[in-house]
Protein backbone atom coordinates (compact mmCIF):
# COMPACT_ATOMS: atom_id res chain seq x y z
CA MET A 1 14.16 14.75 -7.08
CA LEU A 2 10.43 14.10 -7.39
CA TYR A 3 10.76 10.32 -7.32
CA GLY A 4 13.18 10.49 -4.41
CA MET A 5 10.70 12.56 -2.41
CA ILE A 6 7.86 10.16 -3.21
CA SER A 7 10.01 7.24 -2.01
CA ALA A 8 10.98 9.08 1.16
CA ILE A 9 7.35 9.88 1.96
CA GLY A 10 6.42 6.22 1.44
CA ILE A 11 9.17 5.07 3.79
CA ARG A 12 8.12 7.69 6.35
CA ASN A 13 4.53 6.36 6.22
CA VAL A 14 5.76 2.81 6.81
CA VAL A 15 7.83 3.93 9.82
CA GLU A 16 5.15 6.21 11.32
CA ASN A 17 2.48 3.50 11.08
CA LYS A 18 4.85 0.91 12.59
CA VAL A 19 4.35 -1.63 9.80
CA ASP A 20 5.87 -4.92 10.95
CA LEU A 21 8.10 -6.07 8.09
CA THR A 22 9.02 -9.23 10.01
CA LYS A 23 5.61 -10.59 8.95
CA SER A 24 5.85 -12.42 5.63
CA ARG A 25 2.53 -10.94 4.49
CA ASN A 26 3.76 -7.35 4.76
CA LEU A 27 7.15 -8.16 3.28
CA ILE A 28 5.56 -9.84 0.24
CA ILE A 29 3.30 -6.84 -0.37
CA VAL A 30 6.20 -4.37 -0.14
CA GLY A 31 8.40 -6.55 -2.35
CA VAL A 32 5.78 -6.92 -5.09
CA ILE A 33 5.11 -3.16 -5.04
CA PHE A 34 8.83 -2.43 -5.50
CA VAL A 35 9.21 -5.01 -8.29
CA CYS A 36 6.16 -3.71 -10.15
CA GLY A 37 7.21 -0.09 -9.73
CA LEU A 38 10.74 -0.71 -10.98
CA GLY A 39 10.05 -3.54 -13.43
CA PHE A 40 7.27 -2.19 -15.62
CA THR A 41 9.33 0.61 -17.14
CA ASN A 42 7.07 1.00 -20.18
CA GLY A 43 3.85 0.29 -18.33
CA ILE A 44 1.00 -1.74 -19.79
CA THR A 45 -1.42 -0.66 -22.48
CA ILE A 46 -4.90 -2.18 -22.38
CA THR A 47 -7.11 -1.77 -25.45
CA ILE A 48 -10.87 -2.08 -25.08
CA GLY A 49 -12.61 -1.55 -28.38
CA GLU A 50 -11.11 1.62 -29.80
CA THR A 51 -10.06 2.99 -26.41
CA SER A 52 -6.53 2.46 -25.13
CA ILE A 53 -5.71 2.75 -21.45
CA LYS A 54 -2.07 3.00 -20.43
CA LEU A 55 -1.13 2.03 -16.90
CA THR A 56 2.21 3.39 -15.72
CA ALA A 57 4.55 1.46 -13.44
CA LEU A 58 3.32 3.51 -10.47
CA ALA A 59 -0.30 2.65 -11.24
CA ILE A 60 0.51 -1.06 -11.63
CA ALA A 61 2.40 -1.05 -8.31
CA ALA A 62 -0.49 0.68 -6.53
CA ILE A 63 -3.06 -1.75 -7.94
CA ALA A 64 -0.87 -4.75 -7.04
CA GLY A 65 -0.47 -3.47 -3.47
CA ILE A 66 -4.19 -2.88 -3.02
CA LEU A 67 -5.09 -6.31 -4.43
CA LEU A 68 -2.49 -8.16 -2.35
CA ASN A 69 -3.58 -6.34 0.80
CA ALA A 70 -7.16 -7.46 0.14
CA VAL A 71 -6.32 -11.04 -0.90
CA LEU A 72 -3.51 -12.18 1.40
CA PRO A 73 -4.73 -13.59 4.72
CA GLY A 74 -4.01 -11.67 7.89
CA ASN A 75 -4.25 -8.08 9.00
CA ASP A 76 -1.44 -5.59 9.32
CA TYR A 77 -3.30 -3.39 11.83
CA GLU A 78 -5.56 -4.05 14.81
CA PHE A 79 -8.22 -1.42 15.41
CA GLY A 80 -8.95 -0.43 19.02
CA VAL A 81 -5.41 -1.10 20.28
CA ASN A 82 -3.88 2.29 19.50
CA PRO A 83 -6.43 5.16 19.63
CA LYS A 84 -4.04 7.67 18.02
CA GLY A 85 -3.37 5.25 15.16
CA ASP A 86 -7.12 4.75 14.73
CA GLN A 87 -7.65 8.52 14.53
CA SER A 88 -4.97 8.86 11.84
CA ARG A 89 -6.93 6.30 9.82
CA GLY A 90 -10.18 8.25 10.26
CA VAL A 91 -11.73 5.78 12.71
CA PHE A 92 -13.22 6.74 16.06
CA VAL A 93 -13.46 3.85 18.51
CA LYS A 94 -15.79 4.51 21.43
CA ASN A 95 -14.58 3.13 24.75
CA THR A 96 -17.18 0.54 25.82
CA ASP A 97 -15.35 -0.65 28.96
CA LYS A 98 -17.30 1.70 31.26
């Protein structure tokens, strides 16, 4: 039930923010996140010295999504076009047209 709810919330966020999945950039990011989340069933263990760090599939998927969003060219959102969308992202855009 927990994982189903997490998936449903993620899909709701994609729909509410009107993410355009016809753009290859966005589709690649979503696809890699799904593959990492479902594919790394045992996670990855990184050992540094005597300290072991275990990354779960969810952590790997989140890191992959963040890195791809930063690296892939393009932008999935234009600030200043939708004031309500800007507010939901914590950005206040002052109207300078006056």
